[in-house]
């Protein structure tokens, strides 16, 4: 199911709804790691592994095909630093950095975002999502934030 849906208003006009624009950026729901003028980083609410972080632009872009070059490059620079922070905070053995474009490529939220996923030797790559409590999510987000501050 895509979290980017078309809604029909009471007057019959379509309007776009993006969970990242509305819930994360506007309403500030989530566990946040990093933020600047153009980018926000937060914990994935359904992580592949504990410590799974998302980096997204504050301005809405659907995917890699329409994102501004400057914003894209800023996200990549943040990803490099964020990957080190996630690696250290989670004591992972490696990191996956990924970005999906379109429903067939498993893009679930139609707002450009980059995944930083800690990986552990002996743990099979399994893209199943895990349920995490808010308490656990907050604890890991704090660890990553501490490590990130050391790197900035």
C-alpha atoms as a PDB file:
ATOM      1  CA  UNK A   1       0.000   0.000   0.000  1.00  0.00           C
ATOM      2  CA  UNK A   2       1.337   3.408  -0.895  1.00  0.00           C
ATOM      3  CA  UNK A   3       1.234   6.100   1.751  1.00  0.00           C
ATOM      4  CA  UNK A   4       0.908   8.705  -0.986  1.00  0.00           C
ATOM      5  CA  UNK A   5      -2.782   8.692  -1.830  1.00  0.00           C
ATOM      6  CA  UNK A   6      -5.243  10.725  -3.835  1.00  0.00           C
ATOM      7  CA  UNK A   7      -8.070  12.138  -1.750  1.00  0.00           C
ATOM      8  CA  UNK A   8     -11.280  13.588  -3.124  1.00  0.00           C
ATOM      9  CA  UNK A   9     -12.475  16.653  -1.241  1.00  0.00           C
ATOM     10  CA  UNK A  10     -16.129  17.465  -0.592  1.00  0.00           C
ATOM     11  CA  UNK A  11     -16.248  19.564  -3.777  1.00  0.00           C
ATOM     12  CA  UNK A  12     -14.909  16.712  -5.901  1.00  0.00           C
ATOM     13  CA  UNK A  13     -11.416  18.099  -6.505  1.00  0.00           C
ATOM     14  CA  UNK A  14      -8.400  15.880  -6.020  1.00  0.00           C
ATOM     15  CA  UNK A  15      -5.690  16.867  -3.599  1.00  0.00           C
ATOM     16  CA  UNK A  16      -2.447  15.099  -2.833  1.00  0.00           C
ATOM     17  CA  UNK A  17      -1.631  13.763   0.617  1.00  0.00           C
ATOM     18  CA  UNK A  18       1.924  12.879   1.604  1.00  0.00           C
ATOM     19  CA  UNK A  19       2.527  11.334   5.028  1.00  0.00           C
ATOM     20  CA  UNK A  20       6.042  12.784   5.187  1.00  0.00           C
ATOM     21  CA  UNK A  21       4.869  16.325   4.346  1.00  0.00           C
ATOM     22  CA  UNK A  22       1.905  16.231   6.716  1.00  0.00           C
ATOM     23  CA  UNK A  23       2.858  13.983   9.639  1.00  0.00           C
ATOM     24  CA  UNK A  24       6.651  14.169   9.776  1.00  0.00           C
ATOM     25  CA  UNK A  25       7.547  17.645   8.521  1.00  0.00           C
ATOM     26  CA  UNK A  26       4.432  19.652   9.383  1.00  0.00           C
ATOM     27  CA  UNK A  27       3.118  17.899  12.512  1.00  0.00           C
ATOM     28  CA  UNK A  28       6.562  16.750  13.757  1.00  0.00           C
ATOM     29  CA  UNK A  29       5.578  13.131  14.403  1.00  0.00           C
ATOM     30  CA  UNK A  30       8.572  10.848  14.727  1.00  0.00           C
ATOM     31  CA  UNK A  31      11.974  10.432  16.287  1.00  0.00           C
ATOM     32  CA  UNK A  32      14.243  13.015  14.709  1.00  0.00           C
ATOM     33  CA  UNK A  33      17.998  12.750  14.248  1.00  0.00           C
ATOM     34  CA  UNK A  34      19.047  15.701  12.103  1.00  0.00           C
ATOM     35  CA  UNK A  35      17.519  18.789  10.518  1.00  0.00           C
ATOM     36  CA  UNK A  36      18.697  21.769   8.506  1.00  0.00           C
ATOM     37  CA  UNK A  37      16.953  24.257   6.204  1.00  0.00           C
ATOM     38  CA  UNK A  38      16.279  21.725   3.439  1.00  0.00           C
ATOM     39  CA  UNK A  39      16.584  18.234   4.938  1.00  0.00           C
ATOM     40  CA  UNK A  40      15.184  16.229   7.834  1.00  0.00           C
ATOM     41  CA  UNK A  41      16.315  12.859   9.178  1.00  0.00           C
ATOM     42  CA  UNK A  42      14.259  10.562  11.370  1.00  0.00           C
ATOM     43  CA  UNK A  43      13.815   6.941  12.416  1.00  0.00           C
ATOM     44  CA  UNK A  44      11.869   4.668  10.056  1.00  0.00           C
ATOM     45  CA  UNK A  45       8.656   3.740  11.906  1.00  0.00           C
ATOM     46  CA  UNK A  46       8.840   0.188  10.487  1.00  0.00           C
ATOM     47  CA  UNK A  47      12.579  -0.533  10.410  1.00  0.00           C
ATOM     48  CA  UNK A  48      14.377  -3.334   8.620  1.00  0.00           C
ATOM     49  CA  UNK A  49      16.832  -3.261  11.548  1.00  0.00           C
ATOM     50  CA  UNK A  50      16.956  -1.235  14.759  1.00  0.00           C
ATOM     51  CA  UNK A  51      18.672   2.017  13.817  1.00  0.00           C
ATOM     52  CA  UNK A  52      17.066   2.296  10.348  1.00  0.00           C
ATOM     53  CA  UNK A  53      17.161   6.033   9.547  1.00  0.00           C
ATOM     54  CA  UNK A  54      15.485   7.992   6.741  1.00  0.00           C
ATOM     55  CA  UNK A  55      16.783  11.234   5.232  1.00  0.00           C
ATOM     56  CA  UNK A  56      14.235  13.287   3.284  1.00  0.00           C
ATOM     57  CA  UNK A  57      13.973  16.775   1.817  1.00  0.00           C
ATOM     58  CA  UNK A  58      11.565  19.137   3.550  1.00  0.00           C
ATOM     59  CA  UNK A  59      10.247  20.213   0.158  1.00  0.00           C
ATOM     60  CA  UNK A  60       8.160  17.567  -1.586  1.00  0.00           C
ATOM     61  CA  UNK A  61       9.866  15.662  -4.380  1.00  0.00           C
ATOM     62  CA  UNK A  62       8.460  12.312  -5.495  1.00  0.00           C
ATOM     63  CA  UNK A  63      11.674  10.546  -6.462  1.00  0.00           C
ATOM     64  CA  UNK A  64      15.179  10.849  -7.881  1.00  0.00           C
ATOM     65  CA  UNK A  65      13.778  11.976 -11.230  1.00  0.00           C
ATOM     66  CA  UNK A  66      12.364  15.271  -9.937  1.00  0.00           C
ATOM     67  CA  UNK A  67      14.511  16.215  -6.925  1.00  0.00           C
ATOM     68  CA  UNK A  68      16.597  19.401  -7.221  1.00  0.00           C
ATOM     69  CA  UNK A  69      20.301  18.646  -7.716  1.00  0.00           C
ATOM     70  CA  UNK A  70      21.360  20.827  -4.780  1.00  0.00           C
ATOM     71  CA  UNK A  71      18.950  19.083  -2.376  1.00  0.00           C
ATOM     72  CA  UNK A  72      19.964  15.661  -3.714  1.00  0.00           C
ATOM     73  CA  UNK A  73      23.660  16.407  -3.131  1.00  0.00           C
ATOM     74  CA  UNK A  74      22.946  17.742   0.376  1.00  0.00           C
ATOM     75  CA  UNK A  75      21.148  14.483   1.227  1.00  0.00           C
ATOM     76  CA  UNK A  76      24.108  12.460  -0.082  1.00  0.00           C
ATOM     77  CA  UNK A  77      26.571  14.457   2.028  1.00  0.00           C
ATOM     78  CA  UNK A  78      24.402  13.995   5.119  1.00  0.00           C
ATOM     79  CA  UNK A  79      24.050  10.277   4.332  1.00  0.00           C
ATOM     80  CA  UNK A  80      27.809   9.819   4.404  1.00  0.00           C
ATOM     81  CA  UNK A  81      28.039  11.305   7.898  1.00  0.00           C
ATOM     82  CA  UNK A  82      24.799   9.667   9.075  1.00  0.00           C
ATOM     83  CA  UNK A  83      26.036   6.234   7.973  1.00  0.00           C
ATOM     84  CA  UNK A  84      29.054   6.588  10.278  1.00  0.00           C
ATOM     85  CA  UNK A  85      26.831   7.669  13.172  1.00  0.00           C
ATOM     86  CA  UNK A  86      24.411   4.760  12.651  1.00  0.00           C
ATOM     87  CA  UNK A  87      27.292   2.291  12.321  1.00  0.00           C
ATOM     88  CA  UNK A  88      28.853   3.416  15.593  1.00  0.00           C
ATOM     89  CA  UNK A  89      25.600   3.833  17.550  1.00  0.00           C
ATOM     90  CA  UNK A  90      24.255   0.405  16.595  1.00  0.00           C
ATOM     91  CA  UNK A  91      27.644  -1.354  16.613  1.00  0.00           C
ATOM     92  CA  UNK A  92      26.711  -2.721  13.196  1.00  0.00           C
ATOM     93  CA  UNK A  93      29.119  -4.520  10.900  1.00  0.00           C
ATOM     94  CA  UNK A  94      28.021  -2.651   7.791  1.00  0.00           C
ATOM     95  CA  UNK A  95      25.486  -0.244   6.319  1.00  0.00           C
ATOM     96  CA  UNK A  96      22.985  -0.402   3.461  1.00  0.00           C
ATOM     97  CA  UNK A  97      22.200   2.944   1.834  1.00  0.00           C
ATOM     98  CA  UNK A  98      19.259   2.757  -0.525  1.00  0.00           C
ATOM     99  CA  UNK A  99      16.592   4.729  -2.296  1.00  0.00           C
ATOM    100  CA  UNK A 100      13.556   3.325  -4.147  1.00  0.00           C
ATOM    101  CA  UNK A 101      11.889   5.024  -7.118  1.00  0.00           C
ATOM    102  CA  UNK A 102       8.288   4.104  -7.926  1.00  0.00           C
ATOM    103  CA  UNK A 103       5.869   1.461  -6.657  1.00  0.00           C
ATOM    104  CA  UNK A 104       7.486  -1.344  -8.713  1.00  0.00           C
ATOM    105  CA  UNK A 105      10.797  -0.520  -7.030  1.00  0.00           C
ATOM    106  CA  UNK A 106       9.153  -0.839  -3.593  1.00  0.00           C
ATOM    107  CA  UNK A 107       8.790   2.910  -2.957  1.00  0.00           C
ATOM    108  CA  UNK A 108       6.020   3.036  -0.346  1.00  0.00           C
ATOM    109  CA  UNK A 109       6.008   6.757   0.430  1.00  0.00           C
ATOM    110  CA  UNK A 110       5.955   8.908  -2.689  1.00  0.00           C
ATOM    111  CA  UNK A 111       8.263  11.531  -1.168  1.00  0.00           C
ATOM    112  CA  UNK A 112      11.961  11.189  -2.002  1.00  0.00           C
ATOM    113  CA  UNK A 113      13.860   9.625   0.908  1.00  0.00           C
ATOM    114  CA  UNK A 114      17.089   7.751   1.475  1.00  0.00           C
ATOM    115  CA  UNK A 115      17.400   4.722   3.775  1.00  0.00           C
ATOM    116  CA  UNK A 116      20.390   4.193   6.075  1.00  0.00           C
ATOM    117  CA  UNK A 117      20.116   0.623   7.404  1.00  0.00           C
ATOM    118  CA  UNK A 118      22.578  -0.981   9.826  1.00  0.00           C
ATOM    119  CA  UNK A 119      23.582  -4.545   8.905  1.00  0.00           C
ATOM    120  CA  UNK A 120      25.032  -7.280  11.080  1.00  0.00           C
ATOM    121  CA  UNK A 121      27.211 -10.225  10.054  1.00  0.00           C
ATOM    122  CA  UNK A 122      25.281 -13.442  10.456  1.00  0.00           C
ATOM    123  CA  UNK A 123      21.963 -11.656   9.973  1.00  0.00           C
ATOM    124  CA  UNK A 124      20.468 -12.570   6.613  1.00  0.00           C
ATOM    125  CA  UNK A 125      19.388  -9.699   4.400  1.00  0.00           C
ATOM    126  CA  UNK A 126      15.657  -9.779   4.887  1.00  0.00           C
ATOM    127  CA  UNK A 127      13.617  -6.751   3.901  1.00  0.00           C
ATOM    128  CA  UNK A 128      10.803  -7.645   6.308  1.00  0.00           C
ATOM    129  CA  UNK A 129       9.861  -4.759   8.557  1.00  0.00           C
ATOM    130  CA  UNK A 130      10.131  -4.992  12.354  1.00  0.00           C
ATOM    131  CA  UNK A 131       7.860  -3.574  15.016  1.00  0.00           C
ATOM    132  CA  UNK A 132       9.645  -1.414  17.573  1.00  0.00           C
ATOM    133  CA  UNK A 133       8.245   0.254  20.662  1.00  0.00           C
ATOM    134  CA  UNK A 134       8.403   4.031  20.981  1.00  0.00           C
ATOM    135  CA  UNK A 135      10.739   3.541  23.950  1.00  0.00           C
ATOM    136  CA  UNK A 136      13.185   1.474  21.882  1.00  0.00           C
ATOM    137  CA  UNK A 137      12.858   3.848  18.923  1.00  0.00           C
ATOM    138  CA  UNK A 138      13.631   6.845  21.126  1.00  0.00           C
ATOM    139  CA  UNK A 139      16.612   5.093  22.740  1.00  0.00           C
ATOM    140  CA  UNK A 140      18.253   4.231  19.428  1.00  0.00           C
ATOM    141  CA  UNK A 141      17.503   7.675  17.979  1.00  0.00           C
ATOM    142  CA  UNK A 142      19.274   9.268  20.963  1.00  0.00           C
ATOM    143  CA  UNK A 143      22.330   7.043  20.484  1.00  0.00           C
ATOM    144  CA  UNK A 144      22.528   7.965  16.800  1.00  0.00           C
ATOM    145  CA  UNK A 145      22.072  11.677  17.581  1.00  0.00           C
ATOM    146  CA  UNK A 146      24.955  11.568  20.076  1.00  0.00           C
ATOM    147  CA  UNK A 147      27.234   9.895  17.530  1.00  0.00           C
ATOM    148  CA  UNK A 148      26.155  12.353  14.830  1.00  0.00           C
ATOM    149  CA  UNK A 149      27.027  15.348  17.012  1.00  0.00           C
ATOM    150  CA  UNK A 150      30.558  13.991  17.346  1.00  0.00           C
ATOM    151  CA  UNK A 151      30.863  13.854  13.544  1.00  0.00           C
ATOM    152  CA  UNK A 152      29.426  17.259  12.658  1.00  0.00           C
END
